[in-house]
Protein backbone atom coordinates (compact mmCIF):
# COMPACT_ATOMS: atom_id res chain seq x y z
CA MET A 1 69.60 94.17 -189.28
CA GLY A 2 71.70 97.09 -191.31
CA MET A 3 73.54 97.78 -188.19
CA VAL A 4 74.73 94.32 -187.71
CA TRP A 5 75.89 94.09 -191.42
CA ARG A 6 78.06 97.25 -191.07
CA ILE A 7 79.56 95.81 -187.90
CA LEU A 8 80.63 92.45 -189.23
CA GLY A 9 82.01 94.17 -192.54
CA LEU A 10 84.19 96.51 -190.66
CA PRO A 11 87.15 94.60 -190.68
CA PHE A 12 87.09 93.67 -194.34
CA ARG A 13 86.63 97.69 -195.21
CA LEU A 14 89.74 98.18 -192.79
CA VAL A 15 91.67 95.78 -194.57
CA MET A 16 90.38 97.44 -197.81
CA MET A 17 91.42 100.98 -196.69
CA LEU A 18 95.06 99.84 -196.02
CA SER A 19 97.22 101.23 -199.04
CA LYS A 20 99.31 98.95 -201.38
CA ARG A 21 102.41 100.37 -199.66
CA VAL A 22 101.19 99.09 -196.34
CA LEU A 23 100.30 95.63 -197.74
CA VAL A 24 103.86 95.63 -199.09
CA ALA A 25 105.19 96.45 -195.74
CA LEU A 26 103.64 93.69 -194.22
CA LEU A 27 104.86 91.15 -196.55
CA LEU A 28 108.31 92.58 -196.43
CA LEU A 29 108.44 92.24 -192.69
CA ALA A 30 107.17 88.56 -192.70
CA VAL A 31 110.10 87.73 -195.33
CA VAL A 32 112.72 89.26 -193.18
CA LEU A 33 111.13 87.82 -190.04
CA ALA A 34 111.54 84.23 -191.60
CA PHE A 35 114.90 84.56 -192.62
CA ALA A 36 116.02 85.97 -189.32
CA ALA A 37 114.34 83.01 -187.61
CA VAL A 38 116.31 80.53 -190.13
CA SER A 39 119.65 82.69 -189.54
CA SER A 40 119.45 83.62 -185.93
CA PRO A 41 118.81 81.34 -183.09
CA VAL A 42 117.83 84.02 -180.76
CA VAL A 43 115.04 85.38 -183.49
CA PHE A 44 113.99 81.68 -184.13
CA ALA A 45 113.86 81.18 -180.15
CA GLY A 46 111.57 84.04 -179.87
CA LEU A 47 109.59 83.33 -182.86
CA SER A 48 109.10 79.63 -181.45
CA SER A 49 108.02 81.14 -178.08
CA ILE A 50 105.14 82.89 -179.65
CA VAL A 51 103.86 80.14 -181.47
CA ARG A 52 103.93 77.92 -178.37
CA GLY A 53 102.16 80.52 -176.41
CA VAL A 54 99.70 80.76 -179.39
CA ALA A 55 99.48 77.34 -180.68
CA PRO A 56 101.52 74.82 -178.74
CA ASP A 57 100.41 71.92 -180.88
CA LEU A 58 102.33 73.61 -183.98
CA SER A 59 105.31 74.87 -182.65
CA ILE A 60 108.59 73.17 -183.67
CA GLU A 61 109.36 71.65 -180.20
CA ALA A 62 106.12 69.82 -180.20
CA GLN A 63 107.00 68.50 -183.91
CA GLN A 64 110.17 67.62 -182.96
CA GLU A 65 108.80 65.48 -179.69
CA ARG A 66 106.29 63.95 -181.86
CA LEU A 67 109.00 62.80 -184.52
CA LEU A 68 111.22 61.78 -181.69
CA ALA A 69 108.57 59.90 -180.17
CA ALA A 70 107.87 58.09 -183.07
CA ALA A 71 111.43 57.23 -183.92
CA ARG A 72 111.66 56.01 -180.19
CA GLY A 73 108.59 53.78 -180.89
CA ARG A 74 110.34 52.58 -184.06
CA VAL A 75 113.63 51.89 -182.19
CA ASP A 76 111.55 49.96 -179.58
CA ALA A 77 109.85 47.94 -182.01
CA GLU A 78 113.13 46.98 -183.89
CA LYS A 79 114.40 46.09 -180.58
CA ARG A 80 111.91 43.94 -179.54
CA ARG A 81 112.15 41.78 -183.44
CA ALA A 82 116.24 41.87 -182.84
CA ASP A 83 115.35 40.19 -179.19
CA ALA A 84 113.07 37.75 -181.01
CA ALA A 85 115.26 37.06 -184.11
CA LEU A 86 118.19 36.41 -181.15
CA ALA A 87 116.18 34.18 -179.34
CA THR A 88 114.91 32.31 -182.39
CA ALA A 89 118.80 32.06 -183.45
CA ALA A 90 119.63 30.83 -180.39
CA ASP A 91 117.16 28.04 -180.45
CA LEU A 92 117.88 27.22 -183.81
CA LYS A 93 121.44 26.91 -182.60
CA ASP A 94 120.33 24.35 -179.98
CA ARG A 95 118.58 22.32 -182.38
CA ASN A 96 121.26 22.35 -184.84
CA ALA A 97 123.77 21.21 -182.18
CA MET A 98 120.97 18.56 -181.28
CA LEU A 99 120.74 17.24 -184.77
CA SER A 100 124.48 17.03 -185.51
CA GLN A 101 124.72 14.93 -182.22
CA ASN A 102 122.07 12.56 -183.61
CA ASN A 103 123.59 12.47 -187.16
CA ASP A 104 126.99 11.50 -185.73
CA ALA A 105 125.30 8.86 -183.60
CA LEU A 106 123.50 7.80 -186.89
CA THR A 107 126.64 7.71 -188.78
CA ALA A 108 128.40 5.90 -186.40
CA THR A 109 125.71 3.15 -186.26
CA ASN A 110 125.36 3.30 -190.02
CA THR A 111 129.02 2.57 -190.37
CA ALA A 112 128.96 -0.01 -187.67
CA LEU A 113 125.73 -1.82 -189.49
CA LYS A 114 127.66 -1.49 -192.91
CA GLN A 115 130.84 -3.37 -191.36
CA GLN A 116 128.26 -6.01 -190.06
CA SER A 117 126.37 -6.00 -193.40
CA ASP A 118 129.96 -6.49 -194.85
CA LYS A 119 131.05 -9.69 -192.92
CA LEU A 120 127.70 -11.22 -193.24
CA THR A 121 127.99 -10.69 -197.39
CA GLN A 122 131.22 -12.18 -197.04
CA ALA A 123 130.24 -15.28 -194.91
CA ASN A 124 127.01 -15.58 -197.07
CA ALA A 125 128.98 -15.60 -200.26
CA ALA A 126 131.27 -18.23 -198.74
CA LEU A 127 128.40 -20.54 -197.59
CA THR A 128 126.77 -20.50 -201.25
CA ALA A 129 129.71 -21.35 -202.65
CA GLU A 130 130.33 -24.46 -200.14
CA THR A 131 126.77 -25.23 -200.66
CA LYS A 132 126.91 -25.48 -204.39
CA ALA A 133 130.40 -27.27 -204.23
CA LEU A 134 128.96 -29.57 -201.91
CA GLN A 135 125.80 -30.19 -203.74
CA ALA A 136 127.84 -30.72 -207.16
CA ASP A 137 130.00 -33.47 -205.10
CA LEU A 138 126.90 -35.22 -203.94
CA SER A 139 125.46 -35.10 -207.44
CA LYS A 140 128.28 -36.71 -208.97
CA ALA A 141 129.19 -39.10 -205.81
CA LYS A 142 125.36 -40.13 -205.06
CA VAL A 143 124.04 -42.90 -207.58
CA VAL A 144 121.30 -44.83 -207.21
CA PRO A 145 119.68 -48.04 -208.85
CA TYR A 146 117.21 -46.69 -211.28
CA LEU A 147 115.28 -48.84 -214.52
CA GLY A 148 118.27 -51.64 -214.00
CA ARG A 149 121.01 -49.11 -214.27
CA THR A 150 123.36 -47.37 -211.50
CA ILE A 151 123.18 -43.38 -212.40
CA PRO A 152 123.75 -40.03 -210.59
CA ILE A 153 120.43 -38.92 -208.22
CA ALA A 154 120.44 -35.97 -210.40
CA ASP A 155 120.05 -37.90 -213.49
CA ALA A 156 117.39 -40.38 -212.19
CA VAL A 157 115.22 -37.22 -211.04
CA THR A 158 115.69 -35.87 -214.70
CA GLU A 159 114.83 -38.92 -216.47
CA ALA A 160 111.62 -39.50 -214.50
CA ALA A 161 110.54 -36.07 -214.60
CA LYS A 162 111.21 -35.98 -218.34
CA ARG A 163 109.22 -39.15 -218.98
CA LEU A 164 106.09 -38.04 -216.97
CA SER A 165 106.24 -34.68 -218.79
CA ASP A 166 106.22 -36.45 -221.89
CA ARG A 167 103.57 -38.54 -221.21
CA ILE A 168 101.26 -35.72 -219.39
CA THR A 169 101.88 -33.71 -222.47
CA ALA A 170 100.56 -36.46 -224.94
CA SER A 171 97.70 -37.38 -222.79
CA ALA A 172 96.66 -33.47 -222.74
CA ALA A 173 96.92 -33.30 -226.43
CA ARG A 174 94.83 -36.63 -227.19
CA SER A 175 91.96 -35.43 -224.99
CA LEU A 176 91.77 -32.21 -226.68
CA ALA A 177 91.80 -34.04 -229.95
CA ALA A 178 89.18 -36.48 -228.84
CA ALA A 179 86.81 -34.12 -227.20
CA PRO A 180 85.06 -33.13 -230.37
CA GLY A 181 84.61 -36.71 -231.67
CA GLN A 182 83.24 -37.56 -228.20
CA ALA A 183 80.45 -34.78 -228.54
CA VAL A 184 79.20 -36.81 -232.18
CA PRO A 185 75.84 -38.52 -231.31
CA PHE A 186 76.44 -42.62 -231.39
CA TYR A 187 79.54 -42.24 -233.33
CA GLY A 188 81.69 -40.69 -230.77
CA ILE A 189 81.34 -43.90 -228.64
CA PRO A 190 84.63 -45.90 -230.08
CA VAL A 191 86.03 -42.24 -229.39
CA VAL A 192 85.32 -42.34 -225.94
CA ALA A 193 86.56 -46.18 -224.95
CA ALA A 194 89.97 -45.29 -226.77
CA GLN A 195 90.47 -42.08 -224.97
CA THR A 196 89.53 -43.75 -221.73
CA ARG A 197 91.69 -46.88 -222.30
CA ALA A 198 94.62 -44.43 -223.13
CA SER A 199 94.16 -42.27 -220.13
CA LEU A 200 94.52 -45.41 -217.82
CA THR A 201 97.21 -46.97 -219.73
CA ASP A 202 99.31 -43.31 -219.00
CA ASP A 203 98.18 -43.05 -215.43
CA CYS A 204 99.36 -46.67 -214.77
CA ALA A 205 102.69 -45.95 -216.67
CA ALA A 206 102.91 -42.85 -214.57
CA LEU A 207 102.53 -44.68 -211.29
CA HIS A 208 105.23 -46.91 -212.38
CA ASP A 209 107.68 -44.06 -213.05
CA LEU A 210 106.83 -42.93 -209.66
CA ARG A 211 107.30 -46.04 -207.90
CA ASN A 212 110.64 -46.73 -209.44
CA LEU A 213 111.81 -43.12 -208.44
CA ALA A 214 110.74 -44.02 -204.96
CA LEU A 215 112.44 -47.14 -205.09
CA ALA A 216 115.83 -45.48 -206.51
CA PHE A 217 115.69 -43.41 -203.25
CA ASP A 218 114.50 -46.10 -200.89
CA PRO A 219 114.63 -49.48 -201.78
CA THR A 220 112.08 -50.39 -199.13
CA SER A 221 109.31 -47.99 -200.60
CA THR A 222 105.82 -49.56 -200.48
CA LEU A 223 104.73 -47.20 -203.24
CA ALA A 224 101.77 -48.90 -204.99
CA ASP A 225 99.42 -47.93 -208.31
CA ASN A 226 96.26 -48.00 -205.59
CA GLY A 227 94.86 -50.53 -208.56
CA VAL A 228 94.86 -48.12 -211.08
CA CYS A 229 96.64 -50.41 -213.48
CA ALA A 230 94.12 -53.39 -212.64
CA LEU A 231 91.06 -51.20 -214.04
CA VAL A 232 89.61 -52.52 -217.14
CA PRO A 233 88.37 -49.90 -219.62
CA PRO A 234 84.84 -50.27 -220.97
CA THR A 235 84.56 -51.61 -224.71
CA PRO A 236 82.51 -49.40 -227.24
CA ALA A 237 79.72 -52.14 -227.18
CA ALA A 238 79.33 -52.33 -223.47
CA LEU A 239 79.10 -48.42 -223.66
CA TRP A 240 76.70 -48.42 -226.15
CA ALA A 241 74.62 -51.17 -224.65
CA GLY A 242 74.18 -49.13 -221.25
CA ALA A 243 73.39 -45.89 -223.02
CA ARG A 244 70.80 -47.97 -225.58
CA ASP A 245 69.03 -50.25 -222.80
CA ASP A 246 68.99 -48.06 -219.34
CA ALA A 247 70.11 -44.41 -220.19
CA PRO A 248 68.29 -43.17 -217.11
CA ALA A 249 70.40 -45.59 -214.91
CA VAL A 250 73.83 -44.40 -216.44
CA TRP A 251 72.71 -40.76 -215.95
CA ALA A 252 71.98 -41.33 -212.51
CA LYS A 253 75.33 -42.93 -211.81
CA LEU A 254 77.14 -39.94 -213.59
CA ALA A 255 75.12 -37.46 -210.91
CA ALA A 256 77.35 -38.95 -208.13
CA ALA A 257 80.46 -37.79 -210.13
CA PHE A 258 79.61 -34.43 -211.90
CA ASP A 259 77.69 -31.50 -210.72
CA GLY A 260 75.52 -29.35 -212.65
CA LEU A 261 74.36 -32.08 -215.18
CA PRO A 262 71.12 -31.36 -216.86
CA LYS A 263 68.03 -33.60 -216.54
CA LEU A 264 67.57 -36.16 -218.70
CA VAL A 265 64.46 -36.40 -220.97
CA GLN A 266 63.41 -39.13 -223.06
CA PRO A 267 60.82 -38.26 -225.51
CA ALA A 268 58.70 -40.33 -227.53
CA TRP A 269 60.74 -40.88 -230.52
CA TRP A 270 63.78 -42.09 -228.00
CA ARG A 271 63.35 -45.64 -228.35
CA THR A 272 62.94 -45.49 -232.34
CA VAL A 273 66.08 -43.36 -232.67
CA MET A 274 68.10 -45.93 -230.60
CA VAL A 275 66.86 -48.74 -232.54
CA MET A 276 68.12 -47.07 -236.08
CA ALA A 277 71.13 -46.16 -234.08
CA ASP A 278 71.60 -49.59 -233.08
CA GLU A 279 71.43 -50.90 -236.88
CA LEU A 280 73.94 -48.14 -237.70
CA LEU A 281 76.66 -49.17 -235.29
CA THR A 282 76.14 -52.85 -235.33
CA PRO A 283 79.30 -54.02 -235.47
CA MET A 284 80.62 -51.38 -232.96
CA ALA A 285 84.00 -50.36 -234.36
CA ASP A 286 87.02 -50.70 -232.06
CA VAL A 287 88.85 -47.56 -232.26
CA THR A 288 92.48 -47.32 -230.83
CA ALA A 289 94.20 -43.96 -229.60
CA LYS A 290 97.41 -43.19 -231.32
CA PRO A 291 100.46 -42.44 -229.15
């Protein structure tokens, strides 16, 4: 083992045996060679040949070739990107040309439609003005007999509508006012009779207004009241007699005209209460609804 270590350490001992002057000389030689390689192409070529022979991958030519190959790769990539950009630009140009043509066509169509719309607007305005003029002339010129007078159609319609409107308004207000009184047991019977009589009177008058208006437009009109004006409203005494003497029969008739009526129950004290109410309400008051 000692012999082996001595052999392996021989190079190191040789280096250590070299004097400082030799080391300095070697360093100066390296500097001179580097300077000569930079300043002299011949020396540079010779050193490069030595490096190529010893380590081809570390030579300047190898590095230059690698750099050149990388540069060529980048150039090829840029060329491919440029070709793709040119193709895209050409496609966009074609599309832009097509869109421009479509836009021109749409602009022309829109212009034509606008001109047509302007003509139709003018024609419609003229027709509207003519219609209004005809309506005004017709309203002034066309007259009808109404309630013993000869008046324009518009006046007849307006008057009939006002009469109906006033009557319906008064009837609705009267119905609302009468409802609470109708709900009062026994004493509400005269209110019910009065409201029923007033409603029949209003309905008969409304039908007469409609018949007069129909005759104003058509003298041969046969519009009738369908027997409404011939109906006789019940008196308070008749209403009370029906409720007092046979309430179940009255309730059964109501079921034919109204849905959701509760079941009529007559407790044991029913007859006693009816007798007491009859004594209080005899004679039955005759109530009249205000106009």
